Amino acid sequence: MAGHSKWANIKHRKAAADAKKGKVFTRLIKEITVAAKLGGGDPGSNPRLRLALDKAREANMTKDSVTRAIQRGTGELEGVAYEEVRYEGYGPGGAAIMADCLTDNRTRTVAEIRHAFSKNGGNLGADGSVAYLFRHCGQFVFAPGTSEDKVMEAALEAGADDVVANEDGSIEVVCAPADFEQVKAGLEKAGLRADAAEITMKPVAETVLAGTEAARMKGLLETLEGLDDVQDVYTTAALDA
């Protein structure tokens, strides 16, 4: 695993997210709308909506856009009806991939997903074919150089399940999805702000890819992330530096 870096992979994901900022607002509006539809328009009693609103604030989305998205979700305004659908498959080197989508047209979405997989050396699988390879959890990642003792003390006190010091010096905190907000608050109270903080699907084990396989996997992930209906992409692939 020479050259493999947890931190490098996190930075790659952040760079990919930055590259698609033109679509960030669209994706946030979809997420806010669906969260409000499923759990109501009050963020105080809807954790999913609360998290979406936090992301909207970080992206500097206007208050009017947020309000309209909530109203579409609660039925106060007319809007497109989105449904959640997950697609699973394998990419180059046998690494697993999951793509979570919000779509108003499943036929269009599955065709685009299937094309992305086949064009980049992957195979779209059946429902449940790779989901068992991931853990639904809250995840916080701190850059190399952050005090492990300080993170561990604050995280465990706030209710985190685990704190992992990676070989590259980065520190990872993992918690149950329901505990995400209290762990985040506990870390921030201790003066610790994670470079990446999200509720995610964390690989149970990683598949390290290098060379041609890594390049093809990167192409597949970027293609999937560029699709309008795709909200999040998860993979067990770790791209060797």
C-alpha atoms as a PDB file:
ATOM      1  CA  MET A   1       0.000   0.000   0.000  1.00  0.00           C
ATOM      2  CA  ALA A   2       2.969   2.283  -0.572  1.00  0.00           C
ATOM      3  CA  GLY A   3       1.805   5.771  -1.454  1.00  0.00           C
ATOM      4  CA  HIS A   4      -1.771   5.175  -0.353  1.00  0.00           C
ATOM      5  CA  SER A   5      -3.019   8.084   1.711  1.00  0.00           C
ATOM      6  CA  LYS A   6      -6.369   8.471   3.435  1.00  0.00           C
ATOM      7  CA  TRP A   7      -5.830  12.221   3.426  1.00  0.00           C
ATOM      8  CA  ALA A   8      -5.010  12.309  -0.300  1.00  0.00           C
ATOM      9  CA  ASN A   9      -8.254  10.504  -1.061  1.00  0.00           C
ATOM     10  CA  ILE A  10     -10.257  12.918   1.098  1.00  0.00           C
ATOM     11  CA  LYS A  11      -8.612  15.866  -0.670  1.00  0.00           C
ATOM     12  CA  HIS A  12      -9.423  14.303  -4.058  1.00  0.00           C
ATOM     13  CA  ARG A  13     -13.080  14.010  -3.098  1.00  0.00           C
ATOM     14  CA  LYS A  14     -13.133  17.637  -1.936  1.00  0.00           C
ATOM     15  CA  ALA A  15     -11.508  18.749  -5.202  1.00  0.00           C
ATOM     16  CA  ALA A  16     -14.113  16.792  -7.161  1.00  0.00           C
ATOM     17  CA  ALA A  17     -16.851  18.475  -5.140  1.00  0.00           C
ATOM     18  CA  ASP A  18     -15.321  21.905  -5.789  1.00  0.00           C
ATOM     19  CA  ALA A  19     -15.201  21.164  -9.510  1.00  0.00           C
ATOM     20  CA  LYS A  20     -18.965  20.662  -9.605  1.00  0.00           C
ATOM     21  CA  LYS A  21     -19.918  23.767  -7.637  1.00  0.00           C
ATOM     22  CA  GLY A  22     -22.177  24.840 -10.497  1.00  0.00           C
ATOM     23  CA  LYS A  23     -24.438  21.948  -9.545  1.00  0.00           C
ATOM     24  CA  VAL A  24     -24.199  22.313  -5.778  1.00  0.00           C
ATOM     25  CA  PHE A  25     -27.261  24.541  -5.450  1.00  0.00           C
ATOM     26  CA  THR A  26     -29.374  22.221  -7.601  1.00  0.00           C
ATOM     27  CA  ARG A  27     -28.397  19.232  -5.492  1.00  0.00           C
ATOM     28  CA  LEU A  28     -28.973  21.063  -2.233  1.00  0.00           C
ATOM     29  CA  ILE A  29     -32.419  22.231  -3.374  1.00  0.00           C
ATOM     30  CA  LYS A  30     -33.342  18.630  -4.229  1.00  0.00           C
ATOM     31  CA  GLU A  31     -32.113  17.384  -0.857  1.00  0.00           C
ATOM     32  CA  ILE A  32     -33.930  20.115   1.090  1.00  0.00           C
ATOM     33  CA  THR A  33     -37.140  19.433  -0.843  1.00  0.00           C
ATOM     34  CA  VAL A  34     -37.032  15.684  -0.251  1.00  0.00           C
ATOM     35  CA  ALA A  35     -36.013  16.075   3.408  1.00  0.00           C
ATOM     36  CA  ALA A  36     -38.959  18.433   4.011  1.00  0.00           C
ATOM     37  CA  LYS A  37     -41.332  16.104   2.180  1.00  0.00           C
ATOM     38  CA  LEU A  38     -40.295  13.083   4.254  1.00  0.00           C
ATOM     39  CA  GLY A  39     -39.852  14.685   7.668  1.00  0.00           C
ATOM     40  CA  GLY A  40     -41.673  18.012   7.616  1.00  0.00           C
ATOM     41  CA  GLY A  41     -40.492  21.589   7.265  1.00  0.00           C
ATOM     42  CA  ASP A  42     -39.325  22.142  10.850  1.00  0.00           C
ATOM     43  CA  PRO A  43     -35.557  21.562  11.101  1.00  0.00           C
ATOM     44  CA  GLY A  44     -35.917  21.310  14.874  1.00  0.00           C
ATOM     45  CA  SER A  45     -37.665  17.961  14.506  1.00  0.00           C
ATOM     46  CA  ASN A  46     -36.132  16.883  11.170  1.00  0.00           C
ATOM     47  CA  PRO A  47     -32.423  15.995  11.447  1.00  0.00           C
ATOM     48  CA  ARG A  48     -32.058  15.337   7.720  1.00  0.00           C
ATOM     49  CA  LEU A  49     -33.445  18.781   6.887  1.00  0.00           C
ATOM     50  CA  ARG A  50     -31.248  20.373   9.550  1.00  0.00           C
ATOM     51  CA  LEU A  51     -28.132  18.847   7.996  1.00  0.00           C
ATOM     52  CA  ALA A  52     -29.206  19.956   4.517  1.00  0.00           C
ATOM     53  CA  LEU A  53     -29.749  23.509   5.786  1.00  0.00           C
ATOM     54  CA  ASP A  54     -26.259  23.511   7.340  1.00  0.00           C
ATOM     55  CA  LYS A  55     -24.810  22.586   3.945  1.00  0.00           C
ATOM     56  CA  ALA A  56     -26.912  25.279   2.256  1.00  0.00           C
ATOM     57  CA  ARG A  57     -25.518  27.901   4.649  1.00  0.00           C
ATOM     58  CA  GLU A  58     -21.963  26.743   3.967  1.00  0.00           C
ATOM     59  CA  ALA A  59     -22.644  27.099   0.236  1.00  0.00           C
ATOM     60  CA  ASN A  60     -24.092  30.596   0.760  1.00  0.00           C
ATOM     61  CA  MET A  61     -27.487  29.685  -0.662  1.00  0.00           C
ATOM     62  CA  THR A  62     -30.012  32.509  -0.389  1.00  0.00           C
ATOM     63  CA  LYS A  63     -32.723  32.348   2.261  1.00  0.00           C
ATOM     64  CA  ASP A  64     -35.427  32.656  -0.417  1.00  0.00           C
ATOM     65  CA  SER A  65     -34.112  29.613  -2.298  1.00  0.00           C
ATOM     66  CA  VAL A  66     -34.071  27.585   0.913  1.00  0.00           C
ATOM     67  CA  THR A  67     -37.581  28.669   1.870  1.00  0.00           C
ATOM     68  CA  ARG A  68     -38.993  27.794  -1.560  1.00  0.00           C
ATOM     69  CA  ALA A  69     -37.327  24.379  -1.467  1.00  0.00           C
ATOM     70  CA  ILE A  70     -38.894  23.647   1.935  1.00  0.00           C
ATOM     71  CA  GLN A  71     -42.295  24.850   0.729  1.00  0.00           C
ATOM     72  CA  ARG A  72     -42.103  22.602  -2.327  1.00  0.00           C
ATOM     73  CA  GLY A  73     -41.317  19.689  -0.051  1.00  0.00           C
ATOM     74  CA  THR A  74     -44.197  20.375   2.309  1.00  0.00           C
ATOM     75  CA  GLY A  75     -46.643  20.962  -0.554  1.00  0.00           C
ATOM     76  CA  GLU A  76     -47.090  24.704   0.004  1.00  0.00           C
ATOM     77  CA  LEU A  77     -45.665  25.299  -3.490  1.00  0.00           C
ATOM     78  CA  GLU A  78     -45.977  23.142  -6.578  1.00  0.00           C
ATOM     79  CA  GLY A  79     -42.809  21.423  -7.694  1.00  0.00           C
ATOM     80  CA  VAL A  80     -41.219  18.350  -9.214  1.00  0.00           C
ATOM     81  CA  ALA A  81     -41.696  15.108  -7.303  1.00  0.00           C
ATOM     82  CA  TYR A  82     -38.321  13.480  -6.693  1.00  0.00           C
ATOM     83  CA  GLU A  83     -37.746   9.917  -5.542  1.00  0.00           C
ATOM     84  CA  GLU A  84     -34.658   8.428  -3.945  1.00  0.00           C
ATOM     85  CA  VAL A  85     -32.953   5.567  -5.726  1.00  0.00           C
ATOM     86  CA  ARG A  86     -29.583   3.896  -5.188  1.00  0.00           C
ATOM     87  CA  TYR A  87     -27.520   2.181  -7.889  1.00  0.00           C
ATOM     88  CA  GLU A  88     -24.747  -0.278  -7.061  1.00  0.00           C
ATOM     89  CA  GLY A  89     -21.964  -1.848  -9.044  1.00  0.00           C
ATOM     90  CA  TYR A  90     -18.276  -2.542  -9.494  1.00  0.00           C
ATOM     91  CA  GLY A  91     -15.611  -0.405 -11.125  1.00  0.00           C
ATOM     92  CA  PRO A  92     -12.099  -1.109 -12.415  1.00  0.00           C
ATOM     93  CA  GLY A  93     -10.085  -3.390 -10.157  1.00  0.00           C
ATOM     94  CA  GLY A  94     -13.232  -4.801  -8.556  1.00  0.00           C
ATOM     95  CA  ALA A  95     -13.812  -1.807  -6.270  1.00  0.00           C
ATOM     96  CA  ALA A  96     -17.431  -1.325  -5.207  1.00  0.00           C
ATOM     97  CA  ILE A  97     -19.432   1.812  -6.039  1.00  0.00           C
ATOM     98  CA  MET A  98     -22.782   3.155  -4.867  1.00  0.00           C
ATOM     99  CA  ALA A  99     -24.517   6.186  -6.376  1.00  0.00           C
ATOM    100  CA  ASP A 100     -27.400   7.800  -4.474  1.00  0.00           C
ATOM    101  CA  CYS A 101     -29.767   9.717  -6.734  1.00  0.00           C
ATOM    102  CA  LEU A 102     -32.792  11.976  -6.523  1.00  0.00           C
ATOM    103  CA  THR A 103     -34.738  11.741  -9.767  1.00  0.00           C
ATOM    104  CA  ASP A 104     -38.044  12.523 -11.399  1.00  0.00           C
ATOM    105  CA  ASN A 105     -37.396   9.969 -14.159  1.00  0.00           C
ATOM    106  CA  ARG A 106     -35.937   6.576 -13.206  1.00  0.00           C
ATOM    107  CA  THR A 107     -35.679   5.457 -16.842  1.00  0.00           C
ATOM    108  CA  ARG A 108     -33.427   8.383 -17.711  1.00  0.00           C
ATOM    109  CA  THR A 109     -31.332   8.025 -14.578  1.00  0.00           C
ATOM    110  CA  VAL A 110     -30.625   4.300 -14.845  1.00  0.00           C
ATOM    111  CA  ALA A 111     -29.686   4.717 -18.512  1.00  0.00           C
ATOM    112  CA  GLU A 112     -27.167   7.433 -17.620  1.00  0.00           C
ATOM    113  CA  ILE A 113     -25.756   5.413 -14.717  1.00  0.00           C
ATOM    114  CA  ARG A 114     -25.432   2.250 -16.817  1.00  0.00           C
ATOM    115  CA  HIS A 115     -23.695   4.186 -19.596  1.00  0.00           C
ATOM    116  CA  ALA A 116     -21.234   5.717 -17.114  1.00  0.00           C
ATOM    117  CA  PHE A 117     -20.307   2.283 -15.753  1.00  0.00           C
ATOM    118  CA  SER A 118     -19.924   0.582 -19.142  1.00  0.00           C
ATOM    119  CA  LYS A 119     -17.977   3.472 -20.689  1.00  0.00           C
ATOM    120  CA  ASN A 120     -15.425   3.456 -17.866  1.00  0.00           C
ATOM    121  CA  GLY A 121     -14.812  -0.254 -17.358  1.00  0.00           C
ATOM    122  CA  GLY A 122     -17.394  -0.922 -14.654  1.00  0.00           C
ATOM    123  CA  ASN A 123     -20.502  -3.059 -14.285  1.00  0.00           C
ATOM    124  CA  LEU A 124     -23.854  -2.001 -12.861  1.00  0.00           C
ATOM    125  CA  GLY A 125     -25.066  -4.602 -10.348  1.00  0.00           C
ATOM    126  CA  ALA A 126     -28.320  -5.585  -8.696  1.00  0.00           C
ATOM    127  CA  ASP A 127     -29.808  -3.904  -5.625  1.00  0.00           C
ATOM    128  CA  GLY A 128     -27.842  -4.951  -2.550  1.00  0.00           C
ATOM    129  CA  SER A 129     -24.893  -6.275  -4.530  1.00  0.00           C
ATOM    130  CA  VAL A 130     -22.341  -4.035  -2.767  1.00  0.00           C
ATOM    131  CA  ALA A 131     -24.269  -2.237   0.007  1.00  0.00           C
ATOM    132  CA  TYR A 132     -22.981  -4.707   2.605  1.00  0.00           C
ATOM    133  CA  LEU A 133     -19.462  -3.428   1.929  1.00  0.00           C
ATOM    134  CA  PHE A 134     -20.324  -0.042   3.439  1.00  0.00           C
ATOM    135  CA  ARG A 135     -21.293   1.250   6.879  1.00  0.00           C
ATOM    136  CA  HIS A 136     -23.797   4.087   7.264  1.00  0.00           C
ATOM    137  CA  CYS A 137     -22.183   6.460   9.750  1.00  0.00           C
ATOM    138  CA  GLY A 138     -21.113   9.955  10.642  1.00  0.00           C
ATOM    139  CA  GLN A 139     -17.504  10.694   9.691  1.00  0.00           C
ATOM    140  CA  PHE A 140     -15.127  13.516  10.599  1.00  0.00           C
ATOM    141  CA  VAL A 141     -11.621  13.728   9.123  1.00  0.00           C
ATOM    142  CA  PHE A 142      -8.901  16.000  10.489  1.00  0.00           C
ATOM    143  CA  ALA A 143      -5.768  16.982   8.595  1.00  0.00           C
ATOM    144  CA  PRO A 144      -2.356  15.536   9.458  1.00  0.00           C
ATOM    145  CA  GLY A 145      -0.832  17.429  12.351  1.00  0.00           C
ATOM    146  CA  THR A 146      -4.030  17.650  14.395  1.00  0.00           C
ATOM    147  CA  SER A 147      -3.616  16.533  18.001  1.00  0.00           C
ATOM    148  CA  GLU A 148      -4.802  12.925  18.279  1.00  0.00           C
ATOM    149  CA  ASP A 149      -5.202  13.167  22.056  1.00  0.00           C
ATOM    150  CA  LYS A 150      -7.342  16.291  21.804  1.00  0.00           C
ATOM    151  CA  VAL A 151      -9.560  14.770  19.103  1.00  0.00           C
ATOM    152  CA  MET A 152      -9.926  11.495  20.981  1.00  0.00           C
ATOM    153  CA  GLU A 153     -10.858  13.152  24.265  1.00  0.00           C
ATOM    154  CA  ALA A 154     -13.452  15.458  22.687  1.00  0.00           C
ATOM    155  CA  ALA A 155     -14.891  12.852  20.342  1.00  0.00           C
ATOM    156  CA  LEU A 156     -15.370  10.078  22.872  1.00  0.00           C
ATOM    157  CA  GLU A 157     -16.814  12.493  25.406  1.00  0.00           C
ATOM    158  CA  ALA A 158     -19.326  13.634  22.750  1.00  0.00           C
ATOM    159  CA  GLY A 159     -20.449  10.069  22.009  1.00  0.00           C
ATOM    160  CA  ALA A 160     -18.340   8.980  19.037  1.00  0.00           C
ATOM    161  CA  ASP A 161     -17.926   5.257  18.390  1.00  0.00           C
ATOM    162  CA  ASP A 162     -14.311   5.283  17.288  1.00  0.00           C
ATOM    163  CA  VAL A 163     -11.251   7.462  16.661  1.00  0.00           C
ATOM    164  CA  VAL A 164      -8.669   6.225  14.155  1.00  0.00           C
ATOM    165  CA  ALA A 165      -5.178   7.626  13.558  1.00  0.00           C
ATOM    166  CA  ASN A 166      -4.287   6.891   9.930  1.00  0.00           C
ATOM    167  CA  GLU A 167      -0.785   6.133   8.677  1.00  0.00           C
ATOM    168  CA  ASP A 168      -0.630   9.449   6.820  1.00  0.00           C
ATOM    169  CA  GLY A 169      -1.208  11.398  10.048  1.00  0.00           C
ATOM    170  CA  SER A 170      -4.859  12.266   9.456  1.00  0.00           C
ATOM    171  CA  ILE A 171      -7.377  11.468  12.186  1.00  0.00           C
ATOM    172  CA  GLU A 172     -10.810  10.019  11.597  1.00  0.00           C
ATOM    173  CA  VAL A 173     -13.791  10.102  13.956  1.00  0.00           C
ATOM    174  CA  VAL A 174     -16.733   7.758  13.370  1.00  0.00           C
ATOM    175  CA  CYS A 175     -20.145   7.874  15.014  1.00  0.00           C
ATOM    176  CA  ALA A 176     -23.705   6.652  14.560  1.00  0.00           C
ATOM    177  CA  PRO A 177     -25.715   8.815  12.110  1.00  0.00           C
ATOM    178  CA  ALA A 178     -28.099   9.821  14.907  1.00  0.00           C
ATOM    179  CA  ASP A 179     -25.150  11.115  16.975  1.00  0.00           C
ATOM    180  CA  PHE A 180     -23.607  13.209  14.178  1.00  0.00           C
ATOM    181  CA  GLU A 181     -24.786  16.600  15.391  1.00  0.00           C
ATOM    182  CA  GLN A 182     -23.869  16.092  19.048  1.00  0.00           C
ATOM    183  CA  VAL A 183     -20.399  14.802  18.102  1.00  0.00           C
ATOM    184  CA  LYS A 184     -19.905  17.748  15.734  1.00  0.00           C
ATOM    185  CA  ALA A 185     -20.945  20.153  18.493  1.00  0.00           C
ATOM    186  CA  GLY A 186     -18.613  18.473  20.972  1.00  0.00           C
ATOM    187  CA  LEU A 187     -15.656  18.690  18.610  1.00  0.00           C
ATOM    188  CA  GLU A 188     -16.337  22.346  17.795  1.00  0.00           C
ATOM    189  CA  LYS A 189     -16.721  23.163  21.484  1.00  0.00           C
ATOM    190  CA  ALA A 190     -13.182  21.814  21.929  1.00  0.00           C
ATOM    191  CA  GLY A 191     -11.972  24.086  19.125  1.00  0.00           C
ATOM    192  CA  LEU A 192     -11.750  21.272  16.589  1.00  0.00           C
ATOM    193  CA  ARG A 193     -13.182  21.832  13.117  1.00  0.00           C
ATOM    194  CA  ALA A 194     -12.996  18.843  10.781  1.00  0.00           C
ATOM    195  CA  ASP A 195     -11.770  19.309   7.215  1.00  0.00           C
ATOM    196  CA  ALA A 196     -14.466  16.858   6.132  1.00  0.00           C
ATOM    197  CA  ALA A 197     -17.644  16.182   8.128  1.00  0.00           C
ATOM    198  CA  GLU A 198     -20.606  14.255   6.766  1.00  0.00           C
ATOM    199  CA  ILE A 199     -23.040  11.424   7.189  1.00  0.00           C
ATOM    200  CA  THR A 200     -21.736   8.943   4.693  1.00  0.00           C
ATOM    201  CA  MET A 201     -21.401   5.335   3.565  1.00  0.00           C
ATOM    202  CA  LYS A 202     -17.928   4.408   4.799  1.00  0.00           C
ATOM    203  CA  PRO A 203     -16.181   1.407   3.213  1.00  0.00           C
ATOM    204  CA  VAL A 204     -15.755  -1.532   5.575  1.00  0.00           C
ATOM    205  CA  ALA A 205     -12.513  -2.288   3.717  1.00  0.00           C
ATOM    206  CA  GLU A 206     -10.759  -0.446   0.912  1.00  0.00           C
ATOM    207  CA  THR A 207      -9.497  -1.662  -2.462  1.00  0.00           C
ATOM    208  CA  VAL A 208      -6.233   0.114  -3.291  1.00  0.00           C
ATOM    209  CA  LEU A 209      -5.891   0.906  -6.987  1.00  0.00           C
ATOM    210  CA  ALA A 210      -2.877   2.210  -8.879  1.00  0.00           C
ATOM    211  CA  GLY A 211      -1.824   2.980 -12.438  1.00  0.00           C
ATOM    212  CA  THR A 212      -4.352   2.356 -15.204  1.00  0.00           C
ATOM    213  CA  GLU A 213      -6.984   0.977 -12.844  1.00  0.00           C
ATOM    214  CA  ALA A 214      -6.782   4.068 -10.627  1.00  0.00           C
ATOM    215  CA  ALA A 215      -7.044   6.368 -13.650  1.00  0.00           C
ATOM    216  CA  ARG A 216     -10.086   4.512 -14.995  1.00  0.00           C
ATOM    217  CA  MET A 217     -11.755   4.501 -11.587  1.00  0.00           C
ATOM    218  CA  LYS A 218     -11.165   8.247 -11.265  1.00  0.00           C
ATOM    219  CA  GLY A 219     -12.806   8.720 -14.659  1.00  0.00           C
ATOM    220  CA  LEU A 220     -15.814   6.622 -13.640  1.00  0.00           C
ATOM    221  CA  LEU A 221     -16.271   8.472 -10.348  1.00  0.00           C
ATOM    222  CA  GLU A 222     -16.016  11.872 -12.047  1.00  0.00           C
ATOM    223  CA  THR A 223     -18.533  10.818 -14.707  1.00  0.00           C
ATOM    224  CA  LEU A 224     -21.007   9.673 -12.060  1.00  0.00           C
ATOM    225  CA  GLU A 225     -20.493  12.806  -9.961  1.00  0.00           C
ATOM    226  CA  GLY A 226     -21.188  14.922 -13.038  1.00  0.00           C
ATOM    227  CA  LEU A 227     -24.653  13.455 -13.649  1.00  0.00           C
ATOM    228  CA  ASP A 228     -27.509  15.782 -12.730  1.00  0.00           C
ATOM    229  CA  ASP A 229     -29.512  13.124 -10.872  1.00  0.00           C
ATOM    230  CA  VAL A 230     -26.594  11.907  -8.738  1.00  0.00           C
ATOM    231  CA  GLN A 231     -26.406  13.336  -5.221  1.00  0.00           C
ATOM    232  CA  ASP A 232     -23.566  11.286  -3.698  1.00  0.00           C
ATOM    233  CA  VAL A 233     -21.084   8.669  -4.863  1.00  0.00           C
ATOM    234  CA  TYR A 234     -19.400   6.192  -2.493  1.00  0.00           C
ATOM    235  CA  THR A 235     -16.643   3.736  -3.296  1.00  0.00           C
ATOM    236  CA  THR A 236     -14.348   1.225  -1.641  1.00  0.00           C
ATOM    237  CA  ALA A 237     -11.570   2.362  -4.002  1.00  0.00           C
ATOM    238  CA  ALA A 238      -8.522   4.060  -2.529  1.00  0.00           C
ATOM    239  CA  LEU A 239      -6.498   5.688  -5.304  1.00  0.00           C
ATOM    240  CA  ASP A 240      -2.778   5.131  -4.818  1.00  0.00           C
ATOM    241  CA  ALA A 241      -0.783   8.328  -4.943  1.00  0.00           C
END
